[in-house]
């Protein structure tokens, strides 16, 4: 959470690009879901639950990529 506040500070006050915020947010969510999936696979009564968790993070990453391309956040000029 502290890292996200630092990134928000950089975004608003130091005028860093929004794409950097989006990349860091997706990376944080990926790490969070990966750790959650690992513990679901290793230590729960239902070890197949990790598949659903990893599919959620896959959908999140795809949505972030589509949003980045559609909103032209990194100036691709397609």
C-alpha atoms as a PDB file:
ATOM      1  CA  UNK A   1       0.000   0.000   0.000  1.00  0.00           C
ATOM      2  CA  UNK A   2       2.866   2.367   0.758  1.00  0.00           C
ATOM      3  CA  UNK A   3       4.350   1.686  -2.657  1.00  0.00           C
ATOM      4  CA  UNK A   4       1.055   2.579  -4.314  1.00  0.00           C
ATOM      5  CA  UNK A   5       0.947   5.892  -2.439  1.00  0.00           C
ATOM      6  CA  UNK A   6       4.497   6.630  -3.590  1.00  0.00           C
ATOM      7  CA  UNK A   7       3.508   5.881  -7.183  1.00  0.00           C
ATOM      8  CA  UNK A   8       0.421   8.093  -6.861  1.00  0.00           C
ATOM      9  CA  UNK A   9       2.620  10.899  -5.530  1.00  0.00           C
ATOM     10  CA  UNK A  10       4.953  10.513  -8.512  1.00  0.00           C
ATOM     11  CA  UNK A  11       2.000  10.454 -10.871  1.00  0.00           C
ATOM     12  CA  UNK A  12       0.274  13.580  -9.532  1.00  0.00           C
ATOM     13  CA  UNK A  13       3.123  15.789  -8.357  1.00  0.00           C
ATOM     14  CA  UNK A  14       6.133  14.741 -10.430  1.00  0.00           C
ATOM     15  CA  UNK A  15       4.031  14.171 -13.579  1.00  0.00           C
ATOM     16  CA  UNK A  16       5.181  10.649 -14.307  1.00  0.00           C
ATOM     17  CA  UNK A  17       3.194   8.935 -17.083  1.00  0.00           C
ATOM     18  CA  UNK A  18      -0.012   7.111 -16.246  1.00  0.00           C
ATOM     19  CA  UNK A  19       1.320   3.999 -17.966  1.00  0.00           C
ATOM     20  CA  UNK A  20       3.912   3.647 -15.199  1.00  0.00           C
ATOM     21  CA  UNK A  21       1.147   3.656 -12.587  1.00  0.00           C
ATOM     22  CA  UNK A  22      -0.785   1.060 -14.580  1.00  0.00           C
ATOM     23  CA  UNK A  23       2.274  -1.181 -14.993  1.00  0.00           C
ATOM     24  CA  UNK A  24       3.110  -1.046 -11.287  1.00  0.00           C
ATOM     25  CA  UNK A  25      -0.514  -1.715 -10.343  1.00  0.00           C
ATOM     26  CA  UNK A  26      -0.697  -4.761 -12.634  1.00  0.00           C
ATOM     27  CA  UNK A  27       2.650  -6.042 -11.314  1.00  0.00           C
ATOM     28  CA  UNK A  28       1.436  -5.672  -7.720  1.00  0.00           C
ATOM     29  CA  UNK A  29      -1.813  -7.499  -8.499  1.00  0.00           C
ATOM     30  CA  UNK A  30       0.103 -10.255 -10.311  1.00  0.00           C
ATOM     31  CA  UNK A  31       2.446 -10.806  -7.361  1.00  0.00           C
ATOM     32  CA  UNK A  32      -0.450 -10.714  -4.891  1.00  0.00           C
ATOM     33  CA  UNK A  33      -2.504 -13.238  -6.861  1.00  0.00           C
ATOM     34  CA  UNK A  34       0.488 -15.474  -7.492  1.00  0.00           C
ATOM     35  CA  UNK A  35       1.223 -15.724  -3.774  1.00  0.00           C
ATOM     36  CA  UNK A  36      -2.460 -16.359  -3.094  1.00  0.00           C
ATOM     37  CA  UNK A  37      -2.559 -19.082  -5.769  1.00  0.00           C
ATOM     38  CA  UNK A  38       0.545 -20.734  -4.348  1.00  0.00           C
ATOM     39  CA  UNK A  39      -0.974 -20.945  -0.883  1.00  0.00           C
ATOM     40  CA  UNK A  40      -4.256 -22.207  -2.322  1.00  0.00           C
ATOM     41  CA  UNK A  41      -2.402 -24.921  -4.206  1.00  0.00           C
ATOM     42  CA  UNK A  42      -0.150 -25.933  -1.338  1.00  0.00           C
ATOM     43  CA  UNK A  43      -2.093 -25.506   1.890  1.00  0.00           C
ATOM     44  CA  UNK A  44      -5.877 -25.583   1.361  1.00  0.00           C
ATOM     45  CA  UNK A  45      -8.426 -28.375   1.330  1.00  0.00           C
ATOM     46  CA  UNK A  46      -9.334 -27.540  -2.280  1.00  0.00           C
ATOM     47  CA  UNK A  47      -6.005 -27.328  -4.168  1.00  0.00           C
ATOM     48  CA  UNK A  48      -7.684 -26.788  -7.563  1.00  0.00           C
ATOM     49  CA  UNK A  49      -8.809 -23.297  -6.485  1.00  0.00           C
ATOM     50  CA  UNK A  50      -5.447 -21.894  -7.625  1.00  0.00           C
ATOM     51  CA  UNK A  51      -6.519 -22.382 -11.250  1.00  0.00           C
ATOM     52  CA  UNK A  52      -9.402 -19.929 -10.787  1.00  0.00           C
ATOM     53  CA  UNK A  53      -7.099 -17.432  -9.077  1.00  0.00           C
ATOM     54  CA  UNK A  54      -4.570 -17.576 -11.919  1.00  0.00           C
ATOM     55  CA  UNK A  55      -7.332 -17.186 -14.504  1.00  0.00           C
ATOM     56  CA  UNK A  56      -8.489 -14.043 -12.676  1.00  0.00           C
ATOM     57  CA  UNK A  57      -5.006 -12.533 -12.877  1.00  0.00           C
ATOM     58  CA  UNK A  58      -4.787 -13.475 -16.548  1.00  0.00           C
ATOM     59  CA  UNK A  59      -8.035 -11.625 -17.242  1.00  0.00           C
ATOM     60  CA  UNK A  60      -6.743  -8.636 -15.259  1.00  0.00           C
ATOM     61  CA  UNK A  61      -3.512  -8.472 -17.257  1.00  0.00           C
ATOM     62  CA  UNK A  62      -5.393  -8.760 -20.558  1.00  0.00           C
ATOM     63  CA  UNK A  63      -7.823  -6.019 -19.486  1.00  0.00           C
ATOM     64  CA  UNK A  64      -4.923  -3.753 -18.525  1.00  0.00           C
ATOM     65  CA  UNK A  65      -3.245  -4.342 -21.881  1.00  0.00           C
ATOM     66  CA  UNK A  66      -6.449  -3.641 -23.778  1.00  0.00           C
ATOM     67  CA  UNK A  67      -7.055  -0.478 -21.735  1.00  0.00           C
ATOM     68  CA  UNK A  68      -3.499   0.674 -22.368  1.00  0.00           C
ATOM     69  CA  UNK A  69      -3.822   0.159 -26.110  1.00  0.00           C
ATOM     70  CA  UNK A  70      -7.385   1.534 -26.412  1.00  0.00           C
ATOM     71  CA  UNK A  71      -6.667   4.650 -24.359  1.00  0.00           C
ATOM     72  CA  UNK A  72      -3.262   5.104 -26.017  1.00  0.00           C
ATOM     73  CA  UNK A  73      -1.548   5.488 -22.650  1.00  0.00           C
ATOM     74  CA  UNK A  74       1.917   4.798 -24.038  1.00  0.00           C
ATOM     75  CA  UNK A  75       1.514   6.761 -27.284  1.00  0.00           C
ATOM     76  CA  UNK A  76       1.548   3.822 -29.703  1.00  0.00           C
ATOM     77  CA  UNK A  77      -0.180   5.676 -32.574  1.00  0.00           C
ATOM     78  CA  UNK A  78      -1.728   2.588 -34.199  1.00  0.00           C
END
